Protein backbone atom coordinates (compact mmCIF):
# COMPACT_ATOMS: atom_id res chain seq x y z
CA UNK A 1 0.00 0.00 0.00
CA UNK A 2 0.97 3.64 -0.40
CA UNK A 3 1.16 4.22 3.35
CA UNK A 4 3.39 1.17 3.79
CA UNK A 5 5.77 2.40 1.06
CA UNK A 6 5.91 5.84 2.69
CA UNK A 7 6.73 4.29 6.08
CA UNK A 8 9.47 2.17 4.47
CA UNK A 9 10.98 5.31 2.93
CA UNK A 10 10.93 7.07 6.31
CA UNK A 11 12.45 4.02 7.99
CA UNK A 12 15.22 3.81 5.40
CA UNK A 13 16.19 7.50 5.17
CA UNK A 14 15.51 8.93 8.65
CA UNK A 15 16.08 8.10 12.31
CA UNK A 16 12.34 8.16 13.03
CA UNK A 17 11.61 4.80 14.75
CA UNK A 18 8.70 3.63 12.59
CA UNK A 19 7.51 0.04 12.72
CA UNK A 20 6.35 -1.30 9.37
CA UNK A 21 3.87 -4.11 10.06
CA UNK A 22 3.85 -7.36 8.18
CA UNK A 23 6.33 -8.88 5.74
CA UNK A 24 8.08 -6.30 3.56
CA UNK A 25 8.83 -7.55 0.05
CA UNK A 26 11.77 -6.43 -2.10
CA UNK A 27 9.29 -4.91 -4.55
CA UNK A 28 7.73 -2.77 -1.78
CA UNK A 29 11.18 -1.63 -0.68
CA UNK A 30 12.03 -0.61 -4.26
CA UNK A 31 8.66 1.09 -4.80
CA UNK A 32 9.19 3.19 -1.65
CA UNK A 33 11.65 5.25 -3.74
CA UNK A 34 8.64 7.12 -5.14
CA UNK A 35 8.43 8.79 -1.71
CA UNK A 36 12.13 9.68 -1.39
CA UNK A 37 11.42 13.35 -2.31
CA UNK A 38 8.73 13.37 0.42
CA UNK A 39 11.45 12.44 2.93
CA UNK A 40 13.39 15.36 1.47
CA UNK A 41 10.41 17.59 2.27
CA UNK A 42 10.51 16.40 5.88
CA UNK A 43 14.22 17.23 6.03
CA UNK A 44 13.61 20.56 4.29
CA UNK A 45 11.07 21.47 6.95
CA UNK A 46 13.57 20.56 9.68
CA UNK A 47 16.08 22.92 8.03
CA UNK A 48 13.53 25.74 7.91
CA UNK A 49 12.58 25.24 11.55
CA UNK A 50 16.26 25.23 12.56
CA UNK A 51 16.95 28.42 10.59
CA UNK A 52 13.82 30.25 11.78
CA UNK A 53 14.60 29.56 15.44
CA UNK A 54 18.36 30.04 15.45
CA UNK A 55 18.70 33.11 13.22
CA UNK A 56 17.01 35.06 16.01
CA UNK A 57 19.92 34.18 18.30
CA UNK A 58 23.05 33.48 16.21
CA UNK A 59 24.75 34.94 13.11
CA UNK A 60 24.38 33.17 9.76
CA UNK A 61 27.87 31.59 9.96
CA UNK A 62 26.90 29.60 13.06
CA UNK A 63 23.36 28.87 11.86
CA UNK A 64 24.75 27.46 8.60
CA UNK A 65 26.78 24.87 10.52
CA UNK A 66 23.81 24.03 12.76
CA UNK A 67 21.61 23.53 9.67
CA UNK A 68 24.11 20.94 8.40
CA UNK A 69 24.04 19.34 11.86
CA UNK A 70 20.22 19.18 11.75
CA UNK A 71 20.43 17.40 8.39
CA UNK A 72 22.95 14.89 9.74
CA UNK A 73 20.84 14.20 12.83
CA UNK A 74 17.65 13.73 10.77
CA UNK A 75 19.12 10.67 9.04
CA UNK A 76 21.59 9.59 11.72
CA UNK A 77 24.63 10.32 9.56
CA UNK A 78 23.54 7.43 7.32
CA UNK A 79 24.70 9.05 4.07
CA UNK A 80 27.90 10.45 5.61
CA UNK A 81 28.82 6.88 6.54
CA UNK A 82 28.38 5.90 2.89
CA UNK A 83 30.47 8.91 1.84
CA UNK A 84 33.36 7.97 4.14
CA UNK A 85 33.27 4.30 3.09
CA UNK A 86 33.23 5.28 -0.60
CA UNK A 87 36.20 7.63 -0.28
CA UNK A 88 38.16 5.13 1.80
CA UNK A 89 37.61 2.60 -0.99
CA UNK A 90 38.62 5.09 -3.70
CA UNK A 91 41.84 5.80 -1.79
CA UNK A 92 43.06 2.22 -2.33
CA UNK A 93 46.16 2.18 -4.53
CA UNK A 94 45.72 0.43 -7.85
CA UNK A 95 47.52 -2.86 -8.48
CA UNK A 96 47.04 -2.59 -12.25
CA UNK A 97 44.48 -5.41 -12.20
CA UNK A 98 40.97 -3.90 -12.57
CA UNK A 99 39.13 -6.93 -11.19
CA UNK A 100 41.42 -7.19 -8.17
CA UNK A 101 41.16 -3.44 -7.52
CA UNK A 102 37.36 -3.60 -7.56
CA UNK A 103 37.32 -6.48 -5.08
CA UNK A 104 39.69 -4.59 -2.78
CA UNK A 105 37.51 -1.47 -2.90
CA UNK A 106 34.35 -3.46 -2.18
CA UNK A 107 35.98 -5.16 0.80
CA UNK A 108 37.13 -1.78 2.17
CA UNK A 109 33.54 -0.50 1.98
CA UNK A 110 32.38 -3.48 4.03
CA UNK A 111 34.92 -2.69 6.75
CA UNK A 112 33.31 -0.77 9.62
CA UNK A 113 36.44 1.27 10.40
CA UNK A 114 36.90 4.76 8.94
CA UNK A 115 40.19 5.61 7.27
CA UNK A 116 41.92 8.97 6.67
CA UNK A 117 40.25 9.50 3.28
CA UNK A 118 36.82 8.91 4.82
CA UNK A 119 37.47 11.38 7.65
CA UNK A 120 38.74 13.95 5.16
CA UNK A 121 35.65 13.49 2.97
CA UNK A 122 33.29 14.03 5.93
CA UNK A 123 35.16 17.15 7.13
CA UNK A 124 35.28 18.70 3.66
CA UNK A 125 31.62 17.86 3.01
CA UNK A 126 30.45 19.54 6.25
CA UNK A 127 32.74 22.52 5.62
CA UNK A 128 31.59 23.05 2.03
CA UNK A 129 27.90 22.73 2.88
CA UNK A 130 28.23 25.21 5.74
CA UNK A 131 30.11 27.74 3.58
CA UNK A 132 27.69 27.46 0.67
CA UNK A 133 24.65 27.79 2.94
CA UNK A 134 26.19 30.86 4.57
CA UNK A 135 26.88 32.27 1.10
CA UNK A 136 23.24 31.79 0.10
CA UNK A 137 22.10 33.61 3.25
CA UNK A 138 24.41 36.51 2.41
CA UNK A 139 23.70 36.64 -1.34
CA UNK A 140 19.90 36.68 -1.18
CA UNK A 141 16.91 37.62 0.93
CA UNK A 142 15.96 35.37 3.84
CA UNK A 143 12.84 34.14 2.06
CA UNK A 144 14.89 33.16 -1.03
CA UNK A 145 17.41 31.36 1.18
CA UNK A 146 14.56 29.52 2.92
CA UNK A 147 13.10 28.44 -0.44
CA UNK A 148 16.43 27.11 -1.68
CA UNK A 149 17.34 25.35 1.57
CA UNK A 150 13.91 23.71 1.71
CA UNK A 151 14.40 22.31 -1.80
CA UNK A 152 17.99 21.09 -1.27
CA UNK A 153 17.16 17.76 0.47
CA UNK A 154 14.14 17.27 -1.84
CA UNK A 155 16.48 17.30 -4.84
CA UNK A 156 19.18 15.17 -3.18
CA UNK A 157 16.68 12.46 -2.21
CA UNK A 158 15.13 12.51 -5.68
CA UNK A 159 18.53 12.20 -7.35
CA UNK A 160 19.04 8.79 -5.73
CA UNK A 161 16.08 7.33 -7.67
CA UNK A 162 17.39 7.83 -11.25
CA UNK A 163 20.80 6.69 -9.96
CA UNK A 164 19.24 3.42 -8.77
CA UNK A 165 17.40 3.00 -12.07
CA UNK A 166 20.44 3.62 -14.28
CA UNK A 167 22.92 1.78 -12.05
CA UNK A 168 23.53 -1.92 -11.48
CA UNK A 169 24.46 -3.61 -8.19
CA UNK A 170 28.15 -4.20 -7.48
CA UNK A 171 27.28 -6.84 -4.86
CA UNK A 172 24.58 -9.50 -4.60
CA UNK A 173 23.47 -8.58 -1.08
CA UNK A 174 22.30 -5.67 1.08
CA UNK A 175 19.70 -2.94 0.67
CA UNK A 176 21.65 -1.43 -2.19
CA UNK A 177 21.20 -4.64 -4.17
CA UNK A 178 17.43 -4.65 -3.51
CA UNK A 179 17.01 -1.06 -4.71
CA UNK A 180 19.33 -1.34 -7.71
CA UNK A 181 17.73 -4.60 -8.88
CA UNK A 182 14.11 -3.58 -8.54
CA UNK A 183 13.67 0.17 -9.17
CA UNK A 184 11.62 0.68 -12.34
CA UNK A 185 11.18 3.65 -14.65
CA UNK A 186 7.79 4.46 -13.07
CA UNK A 187 9.58 5.21 -9.78
CA UNK A 188 11.81 7.70 -11.60
CA UNK A 189 8.81 9.33 -13.26
CA UNK A 190 6.65 9.60 -10.14
CA UNK A 191 9.49 10.76 -7.88
CA UNK A 192 10.38 13.36 -10.52
CA UNK A 193 6.77 14.56 -10.63
CA UNK A 194 6.71 14.89 -6.81
CA UNK A 195 9.94 16.93 -6.96
CA UNK A 196 8.64 19.16 -9.77
CA UNK A 197 5.38 19.71 -7.88
CA UNK A 198 7.18 21.00 -4.79
CA UNK A 199 9.49 23.08 -6.96
CA UNK A 200 6.35 24.64 -8.45
CA UNK A 201 4.91 25.33 -4.99
CA UNK A 202 8.15 26.92 -3.83
CA UNK A 203 8.45 28.96 -7.01
CA UNK A 204 4.83 30.10 -6.80
CA UNK A 205 5.23 30.99 -3.13
CA UNK A 206 8.35 33.07 -3.59
CA UNK A 207 10.84 32.53 -6.42
CA UNK A 208 8.39 33.41 -9.22
CA UNK A 209 7.21 36.58 -7.54
CA UNK A 210 10.73 37.84 -6.86
CA UNK A 211 12.70 36.58 -9.87
CA UNK A 212 10.01 35.82 -12.45
CA UNK A 213 11.04 33.43 -15.20
CA UNK A 214 14.63 33.41 -13.88
CA UNK A 215 13.43 31.57 -10.78
CA UNK A 216 11.81 28.85 -12.89
CA UNK A 217 14.87 28.60 -15.12
CA UNK A 218 17.08 28.16 -12.07
CA UNK A 219 15.03 25.24 -10.75
CA UNK A 220 14.94 23.67 -14.21
CA UNK A 221 18.70 24.08 -14.53
CA UNK A 222 19.31 22.42 -11.15
CA UNK A 223 16.97 19.55 -12.09
CA UNK A 224 18.93 18.91 -15.30
CA UNK A 225 22.35 19.37 -13.63
CA UNK A 226 21.52 16.84 -10.91
CA UNK A 227 20.20 14.32 -13.44
CA UNK A 228 23.43 14.64 -15.42
CA UNK A 229 25.38 14.35 -12.16
CA UNK A 230 23.54 11.12 -11.30
CA UNK A 231 24.41 9.63 -14.71
CA UNK A 232 28.07 10.68 -14.37
CA UNK A 233 28.28 9.31 -10.80
CA UNK A 234 26.75 5.98 -11.88
CA UNK A 235 29.29 5.71 -14.70
CA UNK A 236 32.18 6.60 -12.38
CA UNK A 237 31.13 4.10 -9.69
CA UNK A 238 30.58 1.38 -12.28
CA UNK A 239 34.16 1.89 -13.46
CA UNK A 240 35.61 1.90 -9.94
CA UNK A 241 33.44 -0.74 -8.24
CA UNK A 242 31.84 -2.71 -11.05
CA UNK A 243 28.45 -1.21 -10.16
CA UNK A 244 26.84 0.63 -7.25
CA UNK A 245 26.50 -0.17 -3.55
CA UNK A 246 24.31 1.36 -0.86
CA UNK A 247 27.39 3.29 0.34
CA UNK A 248 27.83 4.78 -3.13
CA UNK A 249 24.20 5.92 -3.19
CA UNK A 250 24.64 7.61 0.19
CA UNK A 251 27.80 9.34 -1.03
CA UNK A 252 26.02 10.51 -4.19
CA UNK A 253 23.19 11.96 -2.10
CA UNK A 254 25.69 13.92 0.02
CA UNK A 255 27.63 15.23 -2.98
CA UNK A 256 24.39 16.15 -4.80
CA UNK A 257 23.58 18.60 -1.99
CA UNK A 258 26.90 20.34 -2.67
CA UNK A 259 26.06 20.39 -6.39
CA UNK A 260 22.64 21.91 -5.58
CA UNK A 261 24.12 24.59 -3.31
CA UNK A 262 26.88 25.36 -5.83
CA UNK A 263 24.37 25.77 -8.68
CA UNK A 264 22.13 27.99 -6.51
CA UNK A 265 25.13 30.12 -5.47
CA UNK A 266 26.24 30.55 -9.09
CA UNK A 267 22.69 31.59 -10.05
CA UNK A 268 22.50 34.16 -7.24
CA UNK A 269 25.95 35.49 -8.20
CA UNK A 270 24.79 35.79 -11.82
CA UNK A 271 21.73 37.76 -10.75
CA UNK A 272 23.84 40.13 -8.67
CA UNK A 273 26.29 40.61 -11.55
CA UNK A 274 23.49 41.49 -13.98
CA UNK A 275 21.59 43.69 -11.50
């Protein structure tokens, strides 16, 4: 059922302790991806609440870091763990044998310890997000910043769905295998429609009234950029790991938020330059 799929999506992507009753099939797990952007909406609301409360007390530099912290808490650092595992695996020195290198990287991702490359990736990711968010606060009005920050996790959660559809599993076990083996094109279409719908609401509520057609173009540009990013990331991971894992998907979600913030910052800079 729809409610069951929504609960599965919440259970998979957040720390909310939801109990999904009954036996959960692999098909139901894969079909829950339709609601990934809805989880992004939940996270977007948590960002807005954090910003609204804390900007009354702290400067934007501190609030930007706390917004990133709120995002991390909302999913228990689940995607950051995937990011660190992925970068630890990528840091493995090549032996010259592609098959052997892939097996080494996959075994590193299964290891629960975090290496130097993983720590570095987490630190840089948190730093970049905080700086970009602070830049958006400084380069636009508060209401524009709120609109963009609300949409950031919506886009990053959506981006995982086309990645699952276009990718293939690198391993024959785990949640990553279930998603990558079962996600169908209808999940991509419906999750895209959900994302576009909330982009429309956000644009109608603010971006359209302030920036006109430029606001719509910006959202369209980000949509296309993130789709291209998902295709490029799938191709890169397939070359390095022989396919995708759940860790790779988490890493791609984290990096996609940087891509979103970077694109939004470039757009705001462009508007200021042409003003």
